[in-house]
Amino acid sequence: MEWADGQLSLTLNFGNYLQLTDDPLYFEAYLQSLQVAGDLNDLLFVAWLSAGLGGGAQ
């Protein structure tokens, strides 16, 4: 990531992500991290709704 001429430039190397498929341990850990992120998202959504922030009828 670099800042030049008033613009932010982001360079991605997808080769690093391809390495996840080479080792089953890394791949399994990656999938599990996605599962944890999804579960946390669901939990926060339910907490948001139960707190009355869903914008429903009052």
PDB file of N, CA and C in Angstrom:
ATOM      1  N   MET A   1       0.851  -1.148   0.000  1.00  0.00           N
ATOM      2  CA  MET A   1       0.000   0.000   0.000  1.00  0.00           C
ATOM      3  C   MET A   1       0.910   1.227   0.000  1.00  0.00           C
ATOM      4  N   GLU A   2       0.604   2.146  -0.881  1.00  0.00           N
ATOM      5  CA  GLU A   2       1.388   3.379  -0.919  1.00  0.00           C
ATOM      6  C   GLU A   2       0.509   4.554  -1.320  1.00  0.00           C
ATOM      7  N   TRP A   3       0.932   5.712  -0.899  1.00  0.00           N
ATOM      8  CA  TRP A   3       0.218   6.947  -1.171  1.00  0.00           C
ATOM      9  C   TRP A   3       1.066   7.773  -2.115  1.00  0.00           C
ATOM     10  N   ALA A   4       0.530   8.079  -3.306  1.00  0.00           N
ATOM     11  CA  ALA A   4       1.284   8.867  -4.281  1.00  0.00           C
ATOM     12  C   ALA A   4       0.322   9.745  -5.069  1.00  0.00           C
ATOM     13  N   ASP A   5       0.706  10.968  -5.302  1.00  0.00           N
ATOM     14  CA  ASP A   5      -0.084  11.918  -6.090  1.00  0.00           C
ATOM     15  C   ASP A   5      -1.518  12.052  -5.577  1.00  0.00           C
ATOM     16  N   GLY A   6      -1.686  12.003  -4.273  1.00  0.00           N
ATOM     17  CA  GLY A   6      -3.004  12.168  -3.685  1.00  0.00           C
ATOM     18  C   GLY A   6      -3.908  10.960  -3.821  1.00  0.00           C
ATOM     19  N   GLN A   7      -3.346   9.807  -4.220  1.00  0.00           N
ATOM     20  CA  GLN A   7      -4.149   8.598  -4.369  1.00  0.00           C
ATOM     21  C   GLN A   7      -3.494   7.452  -3.615  1.00  0.00           C
ATOM     22  N   LEU A   8      -4.341   6.605  -3.061  1.00  0.00           N
ATOM     23  CA  LEU A   8      -3.875   5.425  -2.359  1.00  0.00           C
ATOM     24  C   LEU A   8      -3.823   4.267  -3.342  1.00  0.00           C
ATOM     25  N   SER A   9      -2.690   3.602  -3.405  1.00  0.00           N
ATOM     26  CA  SER A   9      -2.514   2.462  -4.303  1.00  0.00           C
ATOM     27  C   SER A   9      -2.335   1.203  -3.463  1.00  0.00           C
ATOM     28  N   LEU A  10      -3.109   0.180  -3.781  1.00  0.00           N
ATOM     29  CA  LEU A  10      -3.062  -1.083  -3.055  1.00  0.00           C
ATOM     30  C   LEU A  10      -2.712  -2.189  -4.036  1.00  0.00           C
ATOM     31  N   THR A  11      -1.645  -2.917  -3.752  1.00  0.00           N
ATOM     32  CA  THR A  11      -1.213  -4.015  -4.608  1.00  0.00           C
ATOM     33  C   THR A  11      -1.451  -5.332  -3.877  1.00  0.00           C
ATOM     34  N   LEU A  12      -2.187  -6.225  -4.509  1.00  0.00           N
ATOM     35  CA  LEU A  12      -2.496  -7.521  -3.914  1.00  0.00           C
ATOM     36  C   LEU A  12      -1.703  -8.616  -4.608  1.00  0.00           C
ATOM     37  N   ASN A  13      -1.255  -9.581  -3.831  1.00  0.00           N
ATOM     38  CA  ASN A  13      -0.552 -10.743  -4.367  1.00  0.00           C
ATOM     39  C   ASN A  13      -1.403 -11.975  -4.065  1.00  0.00           C
ATOM     40  N   PHE A  14      -2.155 -12.417  -5.064  1.00  0.00           N
ATOM     41  CA  PHE A  14      -3.047 -13.545  -4.850  1.00  0.00           C
ATOM     42  C   PHE A  14      -2.296 -14.869  -4.746  1.00  0.00           C
ATOM     43  N   GLY A  15      -1.018 -14.870  -5.088  1.00  0.00           N
ATOM     44  CA  GLY A  15      -0.202 -16.067  -4.911  1.00  0.00           C
ATOM     45  C   GLY A  15      -0.136 -16.494  -3.461  1.00  0.00           C
ATOM     46  N   ASN A  16      -0.184 -15.525  -2.561  1.00  0.00           N
ATOM     47  CA  ASN A  16      -0.174 -15.859  -1.138  1.00  0.00           C
ATOM     48  C   ASN A  16      -1.422 -16.635  -0.743  1.00  0.00           C
ATOM     49  N   TYR A  17      -2.553 -16.291  -1.337  1.00  0.00           N
ATOM     50  CA  TYR A  17      -3.786 -17.001  -1.020  1.00  0.00           C
ATOM     51  C   TYR A  17      -3.793 -18.395  -1.641  1.00  0.00           C
ATOM     52  N   LEU A  18      -3.125 -18.567  -2.754  1.00  0.00           N
ATOM     53  CA  LEU A  18      -3.050 -19.889  -3.372  1.00  0.00           C
ATOM     54  C   LEU A  18      -2.270 -20.862  -2.501  1.00  0.00           C
ATOM     55  N   GLN A  19      -1.364 -20.349  -1.688  1.00  0.00           N
ATOM     56  CA  GLN A  19      -0.608 -21.218  -0.787  1.00  0.00           C
ATOM     57  C   GLN A  19      -1.522 -21.876   0.244  1.00  0.00           C
ATOM     58  N   LEU A  20      -2.672 -21.291   0.498  1.00  0.00           N
ATOM     59  CA  LEU A  20      -3.612 -21.883   1.446  1.00  0.00           C
ATOM     60  C   LEU A  20      -4.067 -23.263   0.996  1.00  0.00           C
ATOM     61  N   THR A  21      -4.105 -23.485  -0.302  1.00  0.00           N
ATOM     62  CA  THR A  21      -4.578 -24.771  -0.809  1.00  0.00           C
ATOM     63  C   THR A  21      -3.483 -25.826  -0.817  1.00  0.00           C
ATOM     64  N   ASP A  22      -2.234 -25.423  -0.647  1.00  0.00           N
ATOM     65  CA  ASP A  22      -1.126 -26.377  -0.678  1.00  0.00           C
ATOM     66  C   ASP A  22      -1.050 -27.232   0.580  1.00  0.00           C
ATOM     67  N   ASP A  23      -1.358 -26.656   1.714  1.00  0.00           N
ATOM     68  CA  ASP A  23      -1.239 -27.353   2.992  1.00  0.00           C
ATOM     69  C   ASP A  23      -2.631 -27.519   3.597  1.00  0.00           C
ATOM     70  N   PRO A  24      -3.072 -28.757   3.810  1.00  0.00           N
ATOM     71  CA  PRO A  24      -4.419 -28.972   4.356  1.00  0.00           C
ATOM     72  C   PRO A  24      -4.643 -28.287   5.708  1.00  0.00           C
ATOM     73  N   LEU A  25      -3.595 -28.175   6.515  1.00  0.00           N
ATOM     74  CA  LEU A  25      -3.735 -27.526   7.818  1.00  0.00           C
ATOM     75  C   LEU A  25      -4.087 -26.050   7.654  1.00  0.00           C
ATOM     76  N   TYR A  26      -3.395 -25.359   6.758  1.00  0.00           N
ATOM     77  CA  TYR A  26      -3.681 -23.945   6.506  1.00  0.00           C
ATOM     78  C   TYR A  26      -5.074 -23.768   5.905  1.00  0.00           C
ATOM     79  N   PHE A  27      -5.418 -24.660   4.984  1.00  0.00           N
ATOM     80  CA  PHE A  27      -6.722 -24.564   4.331  1.00  0.00           C
ATOM     81  C   PHE A  27      -7.845 -24.753   5.345  1.00  0.00           C
ATOM     82  N   GLU A  28      -7.693 -25.743   6.222  1.00  0.00           N
ATOM     83  CA  GLU A  28      -8.702 -25.999   7.246  1.00  0.00           C
ATOM     84  C   GLU A  28      -8.804 -24.824   8.225  1.00  0.00           C
ATOM     85  N   ALA A  29      -7.671 -24.250   8.586  1.00  0.00           N
ATOM     86  CA  ALA A  29      -7.673 -23.092   9.491  1.00  0.00           C
ATOM     87  C   ALA A  29      -8.351 -21.895   8.829  1.00  0.00           C
ATOM     88  N   TYR A  30      -8.112 -21.720   7.533  1.00  0.00           N
ATOM     89  CA  TYR A  30      -8.745 -20.624   6.790  1.00  0.00           C
ATOM     90  C   TYR A  30     -10.261 -20.798   6.769  1.00  0.00           C
ATOM     91  N   LEU A  31     -10.722 -22.009   6.475  1.00  0.00           N
ATOM     92  CA  LEU A  31     -12.161 -22.264   6.457  1.00  0.00           C
ATOM     93  C   LEU A  31     -12.779 -22.065   7.834  1.00  0.00           C
ATOM     94  N   GLN A  32     -12.059 -22.487   8.860  1.00  0.00           N
ATOM     95  CA  GLN A  32     -12.575 -22.320  10.215  1.00  0.00           C
ATOM     96  C   GLN A  32     -12.652 -20.840  10.600  1.00  0.00           C
ATOM     97  N   SER A  33     -11.694 -20.044  10.146  1.00  0.00           N
ATOM     98  CA  SER A  33     -11.741 -18.609  10.448  1.00  0.00           C
ATOM     99  C   SER A  33     -12.938 -17.955   9.762  1.00  0.00           C
ATOM    100  N   LEU A  34     -13.277 -18.417   8.551  1.00  0.00           N
ATOM    101  CA  LEU A  34     -14.470 -17.900   7.878  1.00  0.00           C
ATOM    102  C   LEU A  34     -15.732 -18.282   8.646  1.00  0.00           C
ATOM    103  N   GLN A  35     -15.748 -19.496   9.195  1.00  0.00           N
ATOM    104  CA  GLN A  35     -16.895 -19.947   9.989  1.00  0.00           C
ATOM    105  C   GLN A  35     -17.049 -19.098  11.247  1.00  0.00           C
ATOM    106  N   VAL A  36     -15.958 -18.833  11.928  1.00  0.00           N
ATOM    107  CA  VAL A  36     -15.997 -18.004  13.140  1.00  0.00           C
ATOM    108  C   VAL A  36     -16.488 -16.600  12.799  1.00  0.00           C
ATOM    109  N   ALA A  37     -16.005 -16.037  11.697  1.00  0.00           N
ATOM    110  CA  ALA A  37     -16.431 -14.700  11.287  1.00  0.00           C
ATOM    111  C   ALA A  37     -17.929 -14.678  10.984  1.00  0.00           C
ATOM    112  N   GLY A  38     -18.419 -15.704  10.322  1.00  0.00           N
ATOM    113  CA  GLY A  38     -19.847 -15.782  10.020  1.00  0.00           C
ATOM    114  C   GLY A  38     -20.693 -15.924  11.272  1.00  0.00           C
ATOM    115  N   ASP A  39     -20.241 -16.775  12.199  1.00  0.00           N
ATOM    116  CA  ASP A  39     -20.976 -16.958  13.449  1.00  0.00           C
ATOM    117  C   ASP A  39     -21.017 -15.666  14.260  1.00  0.00           C
ATOM    118  N   LEU A  40     -19.902 -14.968  14.311  1.00  0.00           N
ATOM    119  CA  LEU A  40     -19.854 -13.709  15.049  1.00  0.00           C
ATOM    120  C   LEU A  40     -20.767 -12.668  14.400  1.00  0.00           C
ATOM    121  N   ASN A  41     -20.792 -12.659  13.082  1.00  0.00           N
ATOM    122  CA  ASN A  41     -21.683 -11.742  12.368  1.00  0.00           C
ATOM    123  C   ASN A  41     -23.141 -12.025  12.724  1.00  0.00           C
ATOM    124  N   ASP A  42     -23.507 -13.299  12.747  1.00  0.00           N
ATOM    125  CA  ASP A  42     -24.877 -13.668  13.110  1.00  0.00           C
ATOM    126  C   ASP A  42     -25.203 -13.246  14.540  1.00  0.00           C
ATOM    127  N   LEU A  43     -24.267 -13.478  15.455  1.00  0.00           N
ATOM    128  CA  LEU A  43     -24.478 -13.122  16.851  1.00  0.00           C
ATOM    129  C   LEU A  43     -24.662 -11.613  17.023  1.00  0.00           C
ATOM    130  N   LEU A  44     -23.834 -10.845  16.349  1.00  0.00           N
ATOM    131  CA  LEU A  44     -23.949  -9.390  16.446  1.00  0.00           C
ATOM    132  C   LEU A  44     -25.243  -8.885  15.822  1.00  0.00           C
ATOM    133  N   PHE A  45     -25.687  -9.529  14.755  1.00  0.00           N
ATOM    134  CA  PHE A  45     -26.945  -9.139  14.125  1.00  0.00           C
ATOM    135  C   PHE A  45     -28.119  -9.376  15.067  1.00  0.00           C
ATOM    136  N   VAL A  46     -28.126 -10.523  15.734  1.00  0.00           N
ATOM    137  CA  VAL A  46     -29.193 -10.826  16.690  1.00  0.00           C
ATOM    138  C   VAL A  46     -29.150  -9.841  17.855  1.00  0.00           C
ATOM    139  N   ALA A  47     -27.964  -9.520  18.338  1.00  0.00           N
ATOM    140  CA  ALA A  47     -27.833  -8.548  19.427  1.00  0.00           C
ATOM    141  C   ALA A  47     -28.331  -7.180  18.983  1.00  0.00           C
ATOM    142  N   TRP A  48     -28.038  -6.816  17.748  1.00  0.00           N
ATOM    143  CA  TRP A  48     -28.476  -5.533  17.192  1.00  0.00           C
ATOM    144  C   TRP A  48     -30.001  -5.474  17.129  1.00  0.00           C
ATOM    145  N   LEU A  49     -30.610  -6.570  16.659  1.00  0.00           N
ATOM    146  CA  LEU A  49     -32.074  -6.605  16.582  1.00  0.00           C
ATOM    147  C   LEU A  49     -32.706  -6.593  17.966  1.00  0.00           C
ATOM    148  N   SER A  50     -32.144  -7.351  18.894  1.00  0.00           N
ATOM    149  CA  SER A  50     -32.738  -7.431  20.225  1.00  0.00           C
ATOM    150  C   SER A  50     -32.569  -6.130  21.002  1.00  0.00           C
ATOM    151  N   ALA A  51     -31.612  -5.317  20.625  1.00  0.00           N
ATOM    152  CA  ALA A  51     -31.423  -4.026  21.285  1.00  0.00           C
ATOM    153  C   ALA A  51     -32.387  -2.977  20.740  1.00  0.00           C
ATOM    154  N   GLY A  52     -33.188  -3.352  19.757  1.00  0.00           N
ATOM    155  CA  GLY A  52     -34.163  -2.420  19.211  1.00  0.00           C
ATOM    156  C   GLY A  52     -33.593  -1.488  18.167  1.00  0.00           C
ATOM    157  N   LEU A  53     -32.450  -1.833  17.622  1.00  0.00           N
ATOM    158  CA  LEU A  53     -31.829  -0.968  16.631  1.00  0.00           C
ATOM    159  C   LEU A  53     -32.198  -1.359  15.210  1.00  0.00           C
ATOM    160  N   GLY A  54     -33.101  -2.295  15.071  1.00  0.00           N
ATOM    161  CA  GLY A  54     -33.483  -2.761  13.757  1.00  0.00           C
ATOM    162  C   GLY A  54     -34.356  -1.787  12.993  1.00  0.00           C
ATOM    163  N   GLY A  55     -34.841  -0.753  13.639  1.00  0.00           N
ATOM    164  CA  GLY A  55     -35.651   0.245  12.959  1.00  0.00           C
ATOM    165  C   GLY A  55     -37.084  -0.190  12.740  1.00  0.00           C
ATOM    166  N   GLY A  56     -37.543  -1.184  13.490  1.00  0.00           N
ATOM    167  CA  GLY A  56     -38.902  -1.675  13.342  1.00  0.00           C
ATOM    168  C   GLY A  56     -39.924  -0.744  13.977  1.00  0.00           C
ATOM    169  N   ALA A  57     -41.191  -1.174  13.928  1.00  0.00           N
ATOM    170  CA  ALA A  57     -42.285  -0.383  14.505  1.00  0.00           C
ATOM    171  C   ALA A  57     -42.110  -0.274  16.013  1.00  0.00           C
ATOM    172  N   GLN A  58     -42.530   0.870  16.535  1.00  0.00           N
ATOM    173  CA  GLN A  58     -42.360   1.100  17.976  1.00  0.00           C
ATOM    174  C   GLN A  58     -43.672   1.106  18.685  1.00  0.00           C
TER     175      GLN A  58
END
